[in-house]
Amino acid sequence: MAEDAAPNTKRMSMIVTKGTLDWAYPPFILATTAAAMGLEVSMFFTFYGLTLLKKKLDLGISTLGNPAMKMPMMGMHMAMPNLVSAMPGADAMATAMMKNLIKKKGVASIEELRETALAADVKMIACQMTMDLFEYTLDDLIDGPELGGAATYIETAVKSDINLFI
């Protein structure tokens, strides 16, 4: 977010805390949409959300604790009972199903959405404390994000019209 932005420019900031495939879509879709609508957008990646900035993504999903997860199968929407997640390979199966559905429906990949966000000048901030905690280096991340901490996010948030926690 440019400090020399016009005073009437709308701004949106978000904290991204989740790093699974299903939780990766909302922040990137919202960020790219807001940027396309002319908002200045800042994304602060912390804890497990920081993994969304890694060069190589290996995102999965879990059926555990996700009662809303109903996949279209055999002409209906089938829920995955929590007991299924105790079975070996259940998360891999659910991830494969979701990836196939994403591809079949022509939904952009997280890598594509991330590239679109960078091309739209979405400011991405990697949490320094999380980098230290999980022993990541800048070499682990894609080009583009800057390092910052809670104060960096708060400085951005107080200037934003919209603040989201995802």
Protein backbone atom coordinates (compact mmCIF):
# COMPACT_ATOMS: atom_id res chain seq x y z
CA MET A 1 0.00 0.00 0.00
CA ALA A 2 1.56 3.23 -1.13
CA GLU A 3 1.83 5.92 1.47
CA ASP A 4 1.31 8.58 -1.20
CA ALA A 5 -2.12 7.23 -2.20
CA ALA A 6 -4.94 9.63 -2.85
CA PRO A 7 -6.79 10.43 0.38
CA ASN A 8 -10.03 8.98 -1.03
CA THR A 9 -8.49 5.62 -1.95
CA LYS A 10 -10.27 2.81 -0.14
CA ARG A 11 -8.03 0.32 1.65
CA MET A 12 -8.45 -3.23 2.84
CA SER A 13 -6.19 -5.23 5.10
CA MET A 14 -6.43 -8.79 6.22
CA ILE A 15 -4.69 -11.20 8.53
CA VAL A 16 -4.24 -14.62 6.91
CA THR A 17 -3.85 -17.36 9.53
CA LYS A 18 -4.82 -20.61 7.82
CA GLY A 19 -2.69 -22.63 5.39
CA THR A 20 -4.97 -25.36 4.06
CA LEU A 21 -6.33 -25.56 0.52
CA ASP A 22 -9.89 -24.69 1.51
CA TRP A 23 -8.77 -21.76 3.69
CA ALA A 24 -6.36 -20.41 1.06
CA TYR A 25 -9.08 -19.40 -1.38
CA PRO A 26 -11.03 -16.77 0.60
CA PRO A 27 -8.13 -14.37 1.29
CA PHE A 28 -6.75 -14.53 -2.26
CA ILE A 29 -10.17 -14.21 -3.90
CA LEU A 30 -11.07 -11.26 -1.68
CA ALA A 31 -7.67 -9.61 -2.19
CA THR A 32 -7.68 -9.92 -5.98
CA THR A 33 -11.30 -8.80 -6.23
CA ALA A 34 -10.73 -5.77 -4.00
CA ALA A 35 -7.59 -4.84 -5.97
CA ALA A 36 -9.55 -5.14 -9.23
CA MET A 37 -12.13 -2.76 -7.74
CA GLY A 38 -9.42 -0.18 -7.07
CA LEU A 39 -8.78 -0.77 -3.36
CA GLU A 40 -5.29 -0.85 -1.94
CA VAL A 41 -4.91 -4.28 -0.36
CA SER A 42 -2.52 -5.58 2.27
CA MET A 43 -2.29 -9.20 3.42
CA PHE A 44 -0.48 -10.10 6.64
CA PHE A 45 0.47 -13.81 6.66
CA THR A 46 1.03 -15.25 10.12
CA PHE A 47 1.22 -18.69 11.73
CA TYR A 48 -0.08 -21.37 9.35
CA GLY A 49 -1.16 -18.75 6.82
CA LEU A 50 2.52 -18.04 6.20
CA THR A 51 2.80 -21.36 4.34
CA LEU A 52 0.73 -19.79 1.53
CA LEU A 53 3.79 -17.71 0.65
CA LYS A 54 6.11 -20.69 0.26
CA LYS A 55 7.59 -21.28 -3.19
CA LYS A 56 6.33 -24.83 -3.32
CA LEU A 57 2.78 -25.28 -2.15
CA ASP A 58 1.55 -28.66 -1.01
CA LEU A 59 -1.85 -27.69 0.33
CA GLY A 60 -4.31 -30.21 1.68
CA ILE A 61 -7.61 -30.26 3.51
CA SER A 62 -8.92 -32.21 6.46
CA THR A 63 -12.38 -33.60 7.01
CA LEU A 64 -11.90 -33.44 10.79
CA GLY A 65 -14.03 -30.79 12.45
CA ASN A 66 -15.49 -29.59 9.16
CA PRO A 67 -19.19 -30.53 9.26
CA ALA A 68 -19.98 -28.12 6.41
CA MET A 69 -17.79 -30.13 4.04
CA LYS A 70 -20.24 -31.69 1.63
CA MET A 71 -18.80 -32.78 -1.70
CA PRO A 72 -20.92 -33.23 -4.82
CA MET A 73 -20.97 -36.99 -5.47
CA MET A 74 -23.41 -39.29 -7.24
CA GLY A 75 -25.86 -36.45 -7.93
CA MET A 76 -26.07 -35.25 -4.34
CA HIS A 77 -23.93 -33.59 -1.67
CA MET A 78 -22.35 -36.10 0.65
CA ALA A 79 -21.02 -35.13 4.08
CA MET A 80 -17.79 -36.54 5.42
CA PRO A 81 -18.38 -37.81 8.99
CA ASN A 82 -15.63 -37.00 11.49
CA LEU A 83 -15.04 -40.71 11.91
CA VAL A 84 -13.79 -40.84 8.30
CA SER A 85 -10.81 -38.65 9.23
CA ALA A 86 -9.53 -41.39 11.53
CA MET A 87 -9.05 -43.66 8.53
CA PRO A 88 -5.55 -43.70 7.02
CA GLY A 89 -5.46 -41.68 3.82
CA ALA A 90 -8.76 -39.86 4.46
CA ASP A 91 -7.21 -36.39 4.24
CA ALA A 92 -5.30 -37.34 1.08
CA MET A 93 -8.55 -38.62 -0.44
CA ALA A 94 -10.46 -35.48 0.53
CA THR A 95 -7.64 -33.31 -0.84
CA ALA A 96 -7.61 -35.21 -4.13
CA MET A 97 -11.37 -34.88 -4.42
CA MET A 98 -11.21 -31.13 -3.79
CA LYS A 99 -8.35 -30.62 -6.26
CA ASN A 100 -10.25 -32.58 -8.91
CA LEU A 101 -13.37 -30.51 -8.28
CA ILE A 102 -11.39 -27.26 -8.53
CA LYS A 103 -9.86 -28.38 -11.83
CA LYS A 104 -13.16 -29.69 -13.21
CA LYS A 105 -14.94 -26.41 -12.42
CA GLY A 106 -12.12 -24.28 -13.88
CA VAL A 107 -11.33 -22.50 -10.62
CA ALA A 108 -7.95 -20.77 -10.56
CA SER A 109 -5.24 -22.44 -8.51
CA ILE A 110 -3.83 -20.78 -5.41
CA GLU A 111 -0.57 -20.24 -7.31
CA GLU A 112 -2.49 -18.41 -10.05
CA LEU A 113 -4.43 -16.30 -7.55
CA ARG A 114 -1.21 -15.48 -5.71
CA GLU A 115 0.44 -14.35 -8.98
CA THR A 116 -2.63 -12.27 -9.82
CA ALA A 117 -2.49 -10.63 -6.40
CA LEU A 118 1.18 -9.74 -6.84
CA ALA A 119 0.52 -8.39 -10.35
CA ALA A 120 -2.28 -6.24 -8.89
CA ASP A 121 0.17 -4.74 -6.35
CA VAL A 122 -1.41 -6.44 -3.36
CA LYS A 123 1.03 -5.88 -0.53
CA MET A 124 1.99 -9.16 1.13
CA ILE A 125 3.66 -9.13 4.52
CA ALA A 126 5.30 -12.23 6.00
CA CYS A 127 5.19 -12.22 9.80
CA GLN A 128 8.76 -12.04 11.09
CA MET A 129 7.91 -13.75 14.38
CA THR A 130 6.30 -16.67 12.53
CA MET A 131 9.31 -16.87 10.20
CA ASP A 132 11.54 -17.19 13.26
CA LEU A 133 9.20 -19.58 15.07
CA PHE A 134 8.94 -22.05 12.19
CA GLU A 135 12.52 -21.44 11.03
CA TYR A 136 11.64 -20.17 7.55
CA THR A 137 13.96 -17.93 5.56
CA LEU A 138 13.18 -15.55 2.72
CA ASP A 139 14.60 -18.21 0.39
CA ASP A 140 11.61 -20.41 1.34
CA LEU A 141 9.16 -17.77 0.13
CA ILE A 142 8.10 -16.48 -3.26
CA ASP A 143 9.50 -13.15 -4.43
CA GLY A 144 7.43 -10.16 -3.43
CA PRO A 145 6.44 -10.36 0.23
CA GLU A 146 8.12 -8.08 2.73
CA LEU A 147 8.84 -8.87 6.36
CA GLY A 148 6.93 -7.22 9.16
CA GLY A 149 5.46 -7.77 12.56
CA ALA A 150 2.30 -7.01 14.47
CA ALA A 151 3.11 -3.29 14.49
CA THR A 152 3.40 -3.34 10.70
CA TYR A 153 -0.06 -4.87 10.43
CA ILE A 154 -1.58 -2.46 12.96
CA GLU A 155 -0.09 0.56 11.15
CA THR A 156 -1.80 -0.69 7.99
CA ALA A 157 -5.06 -1.63 9.72
CA VAL A 158 -5.64 1.78 11.30
CA LYS A 159 -5.50 3.31 7.80
CA SER A 160 -7.85 0.72 6.28
CA ASP A 161 -11.55 0.97 5.63
CA ILE A 162 -11.96 -2.83 5.76
CA ASN A 163 -10.07 -5.17 8.10
CA LEU A 164 -10.53 -8.93 7.85
CA PHE A 165 -9.27 -11.85 9.93
CA ILE A 166 -9.20 -15.05 7.89
